[in-house]
Amino acid sequence: MARKINKEGLEAIKKFEGLRLKAYRDSAGILTIFYGHTSVAGPPEVWEGMTGTREEAEEVLRRDLTQYENAVDRMVRVSLTENQFSALVSFCYNIGPTAFGRSTLLKRLNAGDYDAVPRELMKWNKAGGKTLKGLTNRRAAEAGLWAKGSFVASKDAPAKPAKPPVATIDNGIKVLTPLTAFFQAFTSGPAQIILAVAFVAGATFLLYRWHRSQKEAAS
């Protein structure tokens, strides 16, 4: 059974294509109607002054999507999650199957480089040689859908290192208790007292050094 775009991918296409019930020319000068439908996608042919209904727009979108879903399914040779598949269908819907098939994104993905996809998506934000905010936002949304469920680092929100543990009496007890039990099992009498004193002194010094290193790391 052929794979289908999920709800989030479909909503992304609707949001960024926008619904137009009268034919218009897009940023590349191509006659377009409904949810980004053009004559290249198949019937109906778009002509100047053409109009339609919301119901027709939904029907055409569903029909158009089939060829892009099939293109992604056919061209991608590695396994994809539902979100990854849907992100690529949205991308393919926007740039066309021919451009998708020739893209570096597809080549790197088929080589198993999943991490390259968000970066490659963000390169496709120009029309007529100009960077467009709408395309930049769309690529970011597709990259977000691709990576959904995973941690994504952002230039505006760098990853923070984990907060170092704090040296406390409880932490010290957790370290000392099993070691004390070990010495008690193998020593007795005066030897036990000498070892205990030496052990406590050494452990105190190590805890002090550890505490200082954690403070320096946290500063």
Protein backbone atom coordinates (compact mmCIF):
# COMPACT_ATOMS: atom_id res chain seq x y z
CA MET A 1 0.00 0.00 0.00
CA ALA A 2 1.36 3.42 -0.99
CA ARG A 3 2.36 5.70 1.86
CA LYS A 4 0.35 8.85 2.54
CA ILE A 5 1.35 12.18 4.01
CA ASN A 6 0.28 12.58 7.65
CA LYS A 7 -1.97 15.28 9.07
CA GLU A 8 0.89 17.56 10.13
CA GLY A 9 2.50 17.40 6.71
CA LEU A 10 -0.81 18.11 5.01
CA GLU A 11 -1.49 21.09 7.25
CA ALA A 12 2.01 22.44 6.52
CA ILE A 13 1.33 22.33 2.78
CA LYS A 14 -2.03 24.05 3.21
CA LYS A 15 -0.52 26.72 5.44
CA PHE A 16 2.43 27.63 3.23
CA GLU A 17 0.71 27.22 -0.14
CA GLY A 18 -2.37 29.12 1.00
CA LEU A 19 -5.83 28.66 -0.47
CA ARG A 20 -6.57 30.81 -3.52
CA LEU A 21 -9.86 30.30 -5.33
CA LYS A 22 -8.87 32.51 -8.24
CA ALA A 23 -5.85 31.92 -10.49
CA TYR A 24 -2.77 34.04 -9.78
CA ARG A 25 0.91 34.09 -10.74
CA ASP A 26 3.33 32.83 -8.11
CA SER A 27 6.79 34.25 -7.33
CA ALA A 28 8.16 32.56 -10.45
CA GLY A 29 5.36 33.93 -12.65
CA ILE A 30 3.56 30.58 -13.04
CA LEU A 31 -0.23 30.50 -13.13
CA THR A 32 -1.42 28.89 -9.90
CA ILE A 33 -4.70 28.17 -8.14
CA PHE A 34 -6.04 26.43 -5.03
CA TYR A 35 -3.26 25.02 -2.79
CA GLY A 36 -0.37 25.81 -5.14
CA HIS A 37 -1.79 23.79 -8.04
CA THR A 38 -0.24 24.43 -11.47
CA SER A 39 -0.83 22.87 -14.88
CA VAL A 40 2.47 20.96 -14.54
CA ALA A 41 0.90 18.92 -11.71
CA GLY A 42 -1.83 17.68 -14.04
CA PRO A 43 -5.52 18.51 -14.53
CA PRO A 44 -7.20 20.86 -14.22
CA GLU A 45 -5.19 23.17 -16.47
CA VAL A 46 -4.86 26.61 -14.93
CA TRP A 47 -5.85 29.57 -17.10
CA GLU A 48 -5.97 33.31 -16.55
CA GLY A 49 -9.11 34.31 -14.65
CA MET A 50 -9.89 30.72 -13.58
CA THR A 51 -11.91 30.32 -10.35
CA GLY A 52 -13.04 27.37 -8.24
CA THR A 53 -14.56 26.29 -4.93
CA ARG A 54 -13.07 25.14 -1.64
CA GLU A 55 -14.37 21.63 -2.30
CA GLU A 56 -12.62 21.56 -5.69
CA ALA A 57 -9.43 22.80 -4.04
CA GLU A 58 -9.47 19.92 -1.54
CA GLU A 59 -10.11 17.37 -4.28
CA VAL A 60 -7.32 18.71 -6.50
CA LEU A 61 -4.88 18.83 -3.58
CA ARG A 62 -5.57 15.20 -2.68
CA ARG A 63 -5.12 14.15 -6.29
CA ASP A 64 -1.94 16.19 -6.73
CA LEU A 65 -0.42 14.81 -3.53
CA THR A 66 -0.51 11.25 -4.84
CA GLN A 67 2.24 11.87 -7.40
CA TYR A 68 4.50 13.54 -4.82
CA GLU A 69 3.91 10.81 -2.25
CA ASN A 70 4.74 8.23 -4.93
CA ALA A 71 7.85 10.18 -5.98
CA VAL A 72 9.24 10.26 -2.44
CA ASP A 73 8.34 6.61 -1.90
CA ARG A 74 10.05 5.64 -5.15
CA MET A 75 13.20 7.78 -4.91
CA VAL A 76 14.10 7.39 -1.24
CA ARG A 77 15.87 4.08 -0.67
CA VAL A 78 16.26 4.26 3.11
CA SER A 79 13.64 3.79 5.80
CA LEU A 80 11.66 6.84 6.91
CA THR A 81 9.43 7.62 9.86
CA GLU A 82 5.96 8.99 9.19
CA ASN A 83 7.13 12.53 10.00
CA GLN A 84 10.24 12.24 7.82
CA PHE A 85 8.20 10.96 4.88
CA SER A 86 5.65 13.76 5.29
CA ALA A 87 8.34 16.45 5.50
CA LEU A 88 9.84 15.23 2.23
CA VAL A 89 6.43 15.12 0.51
CA SER A 90 5.88 18.76 1.47
CA PHE A 91 9.34 19.60 0.14
CA CYS A 92 8.79 17.66 -3.09
CA TYR A 93 5.35 19.27 -3.55
CA ASN A 94 7.05 22.66 -3.45
CA ILE A 95 10.09 22.06 -5.68
CA GLY A 96 8.77 19.27 -7.93
CA PRO A 97 9.81 15.62 -8.38
CA THR A 98 12.50 16.42 -10.98
CA ALA A 99 14.35 18.86 -8.71
CA PHE A 100 13.88 16.52 -5.75
CA GLY A 101 15.37 13.62 -7.70
CA ARG A 102 18.45 15.65 -8.63
CA SER A 103 18.95 17.21 -5.19
CA THR A 104 22.00 16.76 -3.00
CA LEU A 105 19.52 16.20 -0.17
CA LEU A 106 18.27 12.98 -1.78
CA LYS A 107 21.78 11.78 -2.58
CA ARG A 108 22.99 12.29 0.98
CA LEU A 109 19.85 10.75 2.47
CA ASN A 110 20.13 7.65 0.30
CA ALA A 111 23.74 7.37 1.45
CA GLY A 112 22.40 7.09 5.00
CA ASP A 113 23.20 10.66 6.09
CA TYR A 114 19.92 11.48 7.84
CA ASP A 115 21.46 14.39 9.75
CA ALA A 116 22.19 16.23 6.49
CA VAL A 117 18.52 16.59 5.57
CA PRO A 118 17.61 19.64 7.73
CA ARG A 119 20.72 21.50 6.49
CA GLU A 120 19.99 20.63 2.88
CA LEU A 121 16.35 21.69 3.25
CA MET A 122 17.39 25.16 4.39
CA LYS A 123 19.34 25.69 1.15
CA TRP A 124 16.07 25.69 -0.83
CA ASN A 125 14.78 29.09 0.27
CA LYS A 126 15.28 31.12 -2.92
CA ALA A 127 13.16 31.97 -5.95
CA GLY A 128 14.49 33.99 -8.86
CA GLY A 129 17.85 34.18 -7.08
CA LYS A 130 16.34 35.95 -4.07
CA THR A 131 15.93 34.61 -0.54
CA LEU A 132 12.26 34.61 0.39
CA LYS A 133 11.04 34.72 3.97
CA GLY A 134 8.08 32.48 3.15
CA LEU A 135 10.33 29.77 1.74
CA THR A 136 12.74 30.11 4.67
CA ASN A 137 9.84 29.61 7.09
CA ARG A 138 8.54 26.65 5.10
CA ARG A 139 11.94 24.94 5.05
CA ALA A 140 12.25 25.48 8.80
CA ALA A 141 8.82 23.93 9.35
CA GLU A 142 9.75 20.93 7.18
CA ALA A 143 13.06 20.53 9.02
CA GLY A 144 11.15 20.66 12.30
CA LEU A 145 8.72 17.98 11.15
CA TRP A 146 11.65 15.85 9.93
CA ALA A 147 13.39 16.06 13.31
CA LYS A 148 10.26 15.85 15.46
CA GLY A 149 10.95 13.77 18.55
CA SER A 150 14.67 14.47 18.44
CA PHE A 151 16.79 17.19 20.05
CA VAL A 152 17.62 19.94 17.58
CA ALA A 153 20.30 22.50 18.43
CA SER A 154 19.58 26.06 17.35
CA LYS A 155 21.98 28.93 16.75
CA ASP A 156 19.66 31.00 18.92
CA ALA A 157 19.47 28.42 21.70
CA PRO A 158 22.82 26.64 22.08
CA ALA A 159 22.90 23.41 24.01
CA LYS A 160 23.87 23.93 27.64
CA PRO A 161 26.17 21.53 29.48
CA ALA A 162 24.68 19.49 32.26
CA LYS A 163 24.87 21.18 35.63
CA PRO A 164 27.71 19.62 37.66
CA PRO A 165 26.73 17.71 40.80
CA VAL A 166 26.96 19.50 44.11
CA ALA A 167 29.21 18.17 46.85
CA THR A 168 27.10 17.52 49.95
CA ILE A 169 27.41 15.52 53.17
CA ASP A 170 24.88 13.04 51.77
CA ASN A 171 26.98 12.55 48.65
CA GLY A 172 30.05 12.02 50.81
CA ILE A 173 28.26 9.40 52.90
CA LYS A 174 27.19 7.57 49.72
CA VAL A 175 30.84 7.32 48.68
CA LEU A 176 32.30 6.50 52.10
CA THR A 177 29.79 3.92 53.33
CA PRO A 178 30.57 1.05 50.91
CA LEU A 179 34.32 1.65 51.20
CA THR A 180 34.15 1.61 55.01
CA ALA A 181 32.30 -1.68 54.91
CA PHE A 182 35.02 -3.06 52.66
CA PHE A 183 37.80 -2.20 55.13
CA GLN A 184 35.81 -3.56 58.06
CA ALA A 185 35.55 -6.90 56.31
CA PHE A 186 39.32 -7.28 55.99
CA THR A 187 40.77 -5.60 59.11
CA SER A 188 40.37 -5.73 62.88
CA GLY A 189 41.94 -4.38 66.06
CA PRO A 190 44.68 -1.69 65.96
CA ALA A 191 45.20 -2.16 62.23
CA GLN A 192 41.56 -1.27 61.66
CA ILE A 193 41.92 1.96 63.64
CA ILE A 194 45.05 3.02 61.75
CA LEU A 195 43.51 2.26 58.38
CA ALA A 196 40.28 4.00 59.34
CA VAL A 197 42.12 7.20 60.33
CA ALA A 198 44.20 7.14 57.15
CA PHE A 199 41.13 6.46 55.05
CA VAL A 200 39.07 9.30 56.58
CA ALA A 201 41.96 11.75 56.13
CA GLY A 202 42.46 10.71 52.50
CA ALA A 203 38.76 10.76 51.73
CA THR A 204 38.38 14.23 53.26
CA PHE A 205 41.19 15.55 51.07
CA LEU A 206 39.72 13.99 47.93
CA LEU A 207 36.26 15.38 48.67
CA TYR A 208 37.78 18.83 49.14
CA ARG A 209 39.60 18.63 45.80
CA TRP A 210 36.47 17.29 44.08
CA HIS A 211 34.34 20.07 45.50
CA ARG A 212 36.78 22.71 44.22
CA SER A 213 36.88 21.18 40.72
CA GLN A 214 33.07 21.19 40.53
CA LYS A 215 32.91 24.85 41.55
CA GLU A 216 35.45 25.75 38.88
CA ALA A 217 33.53 23.78 36.24
CA ALA A 218 30.28 25.49 37.16
CA SER A 219 31.75 29.02 37.05
